[in-house]
């Protein structure tokens, strides 16, 4: 008990015994009471603040103390590669995959041909149907029990692209779903002939966006594995960022083939690390043509030929 509390008790006792003010030398009772109230108010405020801090601190510290959920395997079908930590100077930055509570990635309502977009294939229809580009698509192979594909959660994360067949090897009017896991086969879709299935009404909320996926593959690619890769059209495709390094084309990529330079969106291609110092870019062209390739070698920095 402090002096203020002791003085307050003595003053109240004196008042009750009819002695008027407190003992000689003591502060007037009114001042003591006022000071006691201030002390009590201060204590209550501090107590309330401590309780609030305890609640808020518990919320913050609870996150720190709680053991984090084990991260999904880098090669899992529902876990996209993390955005590379090395600098990326392209116009379009790689799009991260959706989180477990995010709306399903759907791409744009009017996709550009041969451009990859982040896409979440919903599990409610057993991966048989897709909503993409303002249309409903169905698996070209029939889907369902004819194909075994494993996934976790309510979605399979990956990429969707579309082609009418003029610049790709796929049949006309085809949407292609690719996962972040090269070992899993791509899934091809064709426009649905007929009404949309009722199961699509059970899908989680979807979000639309025009930004391309701009995927660059993993930071540590395995040799000989063909990864989905979106090649920037900047610098005439002379430079590529892949596997944590900068690469330069052995020859001028602009002379390899005719590229769709109508827009500046990244080109949906594939990159393969064939050796520690060799990476090969591959992309489809005509339906009957052999895919075009460009060979890249690692360099320390871009040259003056890239502005």
Protein backbone atom coordinates (compact mmCIF):
# COMPACT_ATOMS: atom_id res chain seq x y z
CA UNK A 1 0.00 0.00 0.00
CA UNK A 2 1.50 3.40 -0.95
CA UNK A 3 1.39 6.72 1.03
CA UNK A 4 -1.65 7.98 -0.93
CA UNK A 5 -3.74 4.93 -0.03
CA UNK A 6 -2.63 5.10 3.62
CA UNK A 7 -3.47 8.81 3.87
CA UNK A 8 -6.87 8.22 2.31
CA UNK A 9 -7.74 5.50 4.84
CA UNK A 10 -6.62 7.68 7.79
CA UNK A 11 -8.67 10.60 6.49
CA UNK A 12 -11.82 8.52 6.13
CA UNK A 13 -11.32 7.06 9.65
CA UNK A 14 -10.90 10.51 11.18
CA UNK A 15 -14.01 11.73 9.40
CA UNK A 16 -16.03 8.80 10.72
CA UNK A 17 -14.83 9.50 14.29
CA UNK A 18 -15.88 13.15 14.08
CA UNK A 19 -12.40 14.62 14.02
CA UNK A 20 -13.02 16.58 10.84
CA UNK A 21 -9.85 16.91 8.88
CA UNK A 22 -7.06 14.44 9.05
CA UNK A 23 -4.23 14.53 11.53
CA UNK A 24 -2.06 17.57 11.80
CA UNK A 25 0.26 17.81 8.86
CA UNK A 26 -1.96 15.63 6.70
CA UNK A 27 -3.43 16.92 3.47
CA UNK A 28 -7.10 17.98 3.49
CA UNK A 29 -9.47 15.10 2.98
CA UNK A 30 -10.78 16.46 -0.33
CA UNK A 31 -7.28 16.56 -1.74
CA UNK A 32 -6.54 13.08 -0.41
CA UNK A 33 -9.76 11.68 -1.91
CA UNK A 34 -9.06 13.34 -5.24
CA UNK A 35 -5.53 12.01 -5.22
CA UNK A 36 -6.82 8.56 -4.26
CA UNK A 37 -9.25 8.63 -7.15
CA UNK A 38 -6.47 9.58 -9.50
CA UNK A 39 -4.36 6.73 -8.20
CA UNK A 40 -7.20 4.24 -8.59
CA UNK A 41 -8.03 5.58 -12.07
CA UNK A 42 -4.40 5.29 -13.08
CA UNK A 43 -4.26 1.73 -11.76
CA UNK A 44 -7.43 0.77 -13.60
CA UNK A 45 -6.10 2.33 -16.79
CA UNK A 46 -2.83 0.46 -16.45
CA UNK A 47 -4.67 -2.77 -15.71
CA UNK A 48 -6.94 -2.32 -18.72
CA UNK A 49 -3.98 -1.45 -20.88
CA UNK A 50 -2.13 -4.52 -19.66
CA UNK A 51 -5.16 -6.69 -20.43
CA UNK A 52 -5.47 -5.20 -23.91
CA UNK A 53 -1.77 -5.69 -24.48
CA UNK A 54 -2.05 -9.27 -23.28
CA UNK A 55 -4.86 -9.97 -25.75
CA UNK A 56 -3.16 -8.19 -28.62
CA UNK A 57 0.20 -9.64 -27.71
CA UNK A 58 -1.31 -13.08 -27.46
CA UNK A 59 -2.68 -12.73 -30.97
CA UNK A 60 0.66 -11.64 -32.36
CA UNK A 61 2.78 -13.97 -30.30
CA UNK A 62 0.36 -16.80 -30.93
CA UNK A 63 1.32 -16.66 -34.57
CA UNK A 64 4.96 -16.87 -33.61
CA UNK A 65 4.50 -19.62 -31.09
CA UNK A 66 2.20 -21.74 -33.20
CA UNK A 67 4.10 -24.32 -35.17
CA UNK A 68 3.69 -23.38 -38.82
CA UNK A 69 1.97 -25.83 -41.11
CA UNK A 70 4.53 -27.89 -43.03
CA UNK A 71 5.17 -26.30 -46.43
CA UNK A 72 3.82 -28.12 -49.45
CA UNK A 73 6.50 -29.98 -51.43
CA UNK A 74 7.97 -27.78 -54.15
CA UNK A 75 6.92 -30.33 -56.76
CA UNK A 76 3.39 -30.80 -55.40
CA UNK A 77 0.57 -30.37 -57.90
CA UNK A 78 -1.05 -27.63 -55.83
CA UNK A 79 2.04 -25.66 -54.85
CA UNK A 80 3.33 -23.15 -57.35
CA UNK A 81 6.99 -22.15 -57.38
CA UNK A 82 7.80 -19.16 -55.21
CA UNK A 83 8.51 -15.91 -57.00
CA UNK A 84 12.26 -15.97 -57.70
CA UNK A 85 14.26 -13.92 -55.21
CA UNK A 86 16.71 -12.64 -57.80
CA UNK A 87 15.98 -9.34 -59.55
CA UNK A 88 13.68 -9.51 -62.54
CA UNK A 89 13.77 -6.55 -64.88
CA UNK A 90 11.01 -7.57 -67.23
CA UNK A 91 7.86 -5.54 -67.70
CA UNK A 92 5.68 -8.30 -66.29
CA UNK A 93 6.62 -9.79 -62.95
CA UNK A 94 5.91 -13.47 -62.18
CA UNK A 95 2.47 -14.01 -60.68
CA UNK A 96 2.41 -15.96 -57.41
CA UNK A 97 -0.13 -18.78 -57.01
CA UNK A 98 -3.33 -18.23 -55.06
CA UNK A 99 -3.46 -18.87 -51.32
CA UNK A 100 -5.72 -21.49 -49.71
CA UNK A 101 -8.41 -18.90 -48.86
CA UNK A 102 -8.11 -16.78 -52.00
CA UNK A 103 -10.64 -16.83 -54.82
CA UNK A 104 -9.77 -19.18 -57.67
CA UNK A 105 -7.45 -17.67 -60.28
CA UNK A 106 -9.31 -17.59 -63.58
CA UNK A 107 -7.30 -15.44 -65.98
CA UNK A 108 -8.97 -12.77 -68.14
CA UNK A 109 -12.45 -12.82 -69.60
CA UNK A 110 -10.89 -12.29 -73.04
CA UNK A 111 -7.50 -14.09 -73.07
CA UNK A 112 -4.80 -13.38 -75.63
CA UNK A 113 -3.79 -16.40 -77.66
CA UNK A 114 -0.61 -18.27 -76.68
CA UNK A 115 -0.31 -16.40 -73.38
CA UNK A 116 -0.19 -18.20 -70.03
CA UNK A 117 -2.38 -17.03 -67.19
CA UNK A 118 -2.48 -18.20 -63.60
CA UNK A 119 -5.41 -20.61 -63.31
CA UNK A 120 -6.90 -22.76 -60.55
CA UNK A 121 -8.69 -25.85 -61.78
CA UNK A 122 -11.56 -26.50 -59.38
CA UNK A 123 -11.93 -29.92 -57.82
CA UNK A 124 -15.73 -29.81 -57.45
CA UNK A 125 -16.27 -31.27 -60.93
CA UNK A 126 -13.43 -33.79 -60.59
CA UNK A 127 -11.16 -31.62 -62.78
CA UNK A 128 -13.42 -32.32 -65.74
CA UNK A 129 -14.61 -28.79 -66.56
CA UNK A 130 -12.99 -25.36 -66.69
CA UNK A 131 -14.34 -21.81 -66.85
CA UNK A 132 -11.92 -19.76 -68.91
CA UNK A 133 -12.15 -16.82 -71.28
CA UNK A 134 -15.88 -16.39 -70.81
CA UNK A 135 -16.62 -19.96 -71.84
CA UNK A 136 -17.07 -23.38 -70.27
CA UNK A 137 -14.64 -26.07 -71.38
CA UNK A 138 -14.61 -29.84 -70.94
CA UNK A 139 -11.69 -32.25 -70.90
CA UNK A 140 -10.80 -33.48 -74.36
CA UNK A 141 -10.13 -36.95 -72.94
CA UNK A 142 -13.44 -37.08 -71.12
CA UNK A 143 -11.88 -36.62 -67.68
CA UNK A 144 -13.50 -38.27 -64.69
CA UNK A 145 -12.37 -41.77 -63.87
CA UNK A 146 -10.50 -42.15 -67.15
CA UNK A 147 -7.61 -40.10 -65.83
CA UNK A 148 -6.12 -40.29 -62.34
CA UNK A 149 -4.82 -36.97 -61.06
CA UNK A 150 -4.10 -36.28 -57.40
CA UNK A 151 -4.61 -32.91 -55.75
CA UNK A 152 -5.06 -31.41 -52.30
CA UNK A 153 -7.61 -28.85 -51.19
CA UNK A 154 -10.25 -27.32 -53.40
CA UNK A 155 -8.06 -26.51 -56.39
CA UNK A 156 -5.18 -27.55 -58.58
CA UNK A 157 -2.92 -24.57 -59.24
CA UNK A 158 -1.28 -24.05 -62.58
CA UNK A 159 -1.61 -22.14 -65.84
CA UNK A 160 -4.14 -21.92 -68.64
CA UNK A 161 -3.48 -20.83 -72.20
CA UNK A 162 -5.60 -20.81 -75.32
CA UNK A 163 -4.91 -21.26 -79.01
CA UNK A 164 -7.01 -21.47 -82.13
CA UNK A 165 -4.36 -23.67 -83.74
CA UNK A 166 -2.68 -21.16 -86.03
CA UNK A 167 0.49 -20.76 -83.98
CA UNK A 168 0.58 -23.99 -81.99
CA UNK A 169 0.65 -27.72 -82.42
CA UNK A 170 -2.71 -28.18 -80.69
CA UNK A 171 -5.95 -28.71 -82.50
CA UNK A 172 -8.04 -25.58 -83.20
CA UNK A 173 -9.81 -23.85 -80.31
CA UNK A 174 -8.06 -25.61 -77.45
CA UNK A 175 -7.38 -24.53 -73.89
CA UNK A 176 -4.36 -26.15 -72.23
CA UNK A 177 -3.94 -26.45 -68.46
CA UNK A 178 -0.40 -26.98 -67.16
CA UNK A 179 0.59 -27.57 -63.56
CA UNK A 180 3.70 -26.36 -61.77
CA UNK A 181 4.82 -29.98 -61.69
CA UNK A 182 6.46 -31.02 -64.96
CA UNK A 183 5.89 -34.69 -64.13
CA UNK A 184 2.12 -34.25 -64.38
CA UNK A 185 0.62 -34.32 -67.86
CA UNK A 186 -1.01 -31.25 -69.31
CA UNK A 187 -4.80 -31.32 -69.56
CA UNK A 188 -6.43 -30.25 -72.81
CA UNK A 189 -9.92 -28.77 -72.95
CA UNK A 190 -12.36 -28.12 -75.78
CA UNK A 191 -15.44 -25.87 -75.75
CA UNK A 192 -18.38 -27.51 -74.01
CA UNK A 193 -21.23 -28.43 -76.35
CA UNK A 194 -24.35 -28.06 -74.25
CA UNK A 195 -25.41 -26.53 -70.93
CA UNK A 196 -22.93 -26.00 -68.12
CA UNK A 197 -22.94 -28.77 -65.50
CA UNK A 198 -24.57 -28.03 -62.15
CA UNK A 199 -21.39 -28.85 -60.24
CA UNK A 200 -19.80 -25.61 -61.47
CA UNK A 201 -22.26 -23.76 -59.27
CA UNK A 202 -20.46 -25.22 -56.26
CA UNK A 203 -17.09 -23.75 -57.16
CA UNK A 204 -15.50 -21.25 -54.75
CA UNK A 205 -15.46 -17.62 -55.78
CA UNK A 206 -13.35 -16.83 -58.84
CA UNK A 207 -11.24 -13.77 -59.59
CA UNK A 208 -10.38 -12.48 -63.03
CA UNK A 209 -7.23 -10.68 -64.13
CA UNK A 210 -5.52 -9.68 -67.36
CA UNK A 211 -1.94 -10.01 -66.11
CA UNK A 212 0.02 -12.90 -67.65
CA UNK A 213 1.53 -15.55 -65.40
CA UNK A 214 5.05 -14.56 -66.52
CA UNK A 215 6.40 -17.72 -64.92
CA UNK A 216 10.18 -18.19 -64.95
CA UNK A 217 10.36 -21.75 -63.71
CA UNK A 218 11.94 -22.75 -60.37
CA UNK A 219 15.02 -21.21 -58.82
CA UNK A 220 16.74 -24.61 -58.86
CA UNK A 221 15.72 -26.40 -62.03
CA UNK A 222 16.61 -30.03 -62.54
CA UNK A 223 18.71 -30.90 -65.52
CA UNK A 224 16.73 -32.33 -68.42
CA UNK A 225 13.31 -31.24 -67.09
CA UNK A 226 11.13 -29.18 -69.43
CA UNK A 227 9.57 -26.31 -67.46
CA UNK A 228 6.76 -23.95 -68.51
CA UNK A 229 8.50 -20.64 -69.15
CA UNK A 230 7.14 -17.30 -70.32
CA UNK A 231 9.77 -15.63 -72.46
CA UNK A 232 9.84 -11.86 -72.37
CA UNK A 233 9.87 -10.16 -75.78
CA UNK A 234 12.15 -7.42 -74.48
CA UNK A 235 15.63 -7.18 -76.01
CA UNK A 236 14.49 -9.35 -78.93
CA UNK A 237 14.55 -12.46 -76.67
CA UNK A 238 18.32 -12.18 -76.36
CA UNK A 239 18.27 -12.49 -72.55
CA UNK A 240 16.49 -14.84 -70.19
CA UNK A 241 16.29 -15.17 -66.40
CA UNK A 242 16.20 -18.83 -65.39
CA UNK A 243 17.36 -20.86 -62.40
CA UNK A 244 18.66 -17.83 -60.51
CA UNK A 245 20.95 -16.74 -63.35
CA UNK A 246 20.96 -14.42 -66.33
CA UNK A 247 21.37 -16.07 -69.74
CA UNK A 248 22.19 -14.70 -73.18
CA UNK A 249 21.23 -16.23 -76.50
CA UNK A 250 24.06 -17.68 -78.57
CA UNK A 251 22.57 -16.01 -81.62
CA UNK A 252 20.13 -13.19 -82.23
CA UNK A 253 16.77 -14.65 -81.29
CA UNK A 254 14.95 -12.32 -83.63
CA UNK A 255 16.32 -14.20 -86.65
CA UNK A 256 15.12 -17.61 -85.45
CA UNK A 257 11.50 -17.33 -86.52
CA UNK A 258 8.60 -14.95 -86.87
CA UNK A 259 7.30 -14.02 -83.42
CA UNK A 260 3.96 -12.45 -82.66
CA UNK A 261 5.23 -8.93 -81.94
CA UNK A 262 1.71 -7.45 -82.05
CA UNK A 263 1.72 -7.21 -78.24
CA UNK A 264 4.35 -7.16 -75.53
CA UNK A 265 2.96 -10.11 -73.57
CA UNK A 266 5.44 -12.89 -72.74
CA UNK A 267 5.62 -15.81 -75.14
CA UNK A 268 4.33 -19.11 -73.73
CA UNK A 269 7.36 -21.36 -74.13
CA UNK A 270 9.40 -24.00 -72.28
CA UNK A 271 12.92 -23.90 -70.84
CA UNK A 272 15.20 -26.87 -70.24
CA UNK A 273 18.55 -26.89 -68.43
CA UNK A 274 20.59 -29.27 -70.57
CA UNK A 275 23.90 -28.68 -68.73
CA UNK A 276 25.28 -26.37 -66.07
CA UNK A 277 26.07 -23.81 -68.76
CA UNK A 278 23.39 -24.47 -71.34
CA UNK A 279 19.66 -23.76 -71.33
CA UNK A 280 17.36 -24.30 -74.30
CA UNK A 281 14.18 -22.30 -74.94
CA UNK A 282 11.50 -24.07 -76.97
CA UNK A 283 8.17 -22.83 -78.23
CA UNK A 284 5.61 -24.18 -80.71
CA UNK A 285 4.96 -22.51 -84.03
CA UNK A 286 2.75 -23.97 -86.74
CA UNK A 287 0.65 -27.09 -86.30
CA UNK A 288 2.90 -29.22 -88.48
CA UNK A 289 6.22 -27.53 -87.76
CA UNK A 290 9.03 -28.57 -85.47
CA UNK A 291 9.22 -26.42 -82.33
CA UNK A 292 11.70 -23.57 -82.57
CA UNK A 293 14.58 -23.34 -80.11
CA UNK A 294 17.16 -20.83 -78.88
CA UNK A 295 20.24 -21.87 -76.90
CA UNK A 296 21.34 -19.68 -73.99
CA UNK A 297 24.61 -19.37 -72.04
CA UNK A 298 25.01 -17.78 -68.58
CA UNK A 299 26.33 -14.20 -68.39
CA UNK A 300 26.97 -11.73 -65.57
CA UNK A 301 25.06 -8.77 -66.97
CA UNK A 302 23.06 -7.60 -69.96
CA UNK A 303 24.94 -5.81 -72.68
CA UNK A 304 24.36 -2.42 -74.26
CA UNK A 305 22.27 -4.08 -76.98
CA UNK A 306 19.33 -4.24 -74.57
CA UNK A 307 17.65 -0.91 -73.91
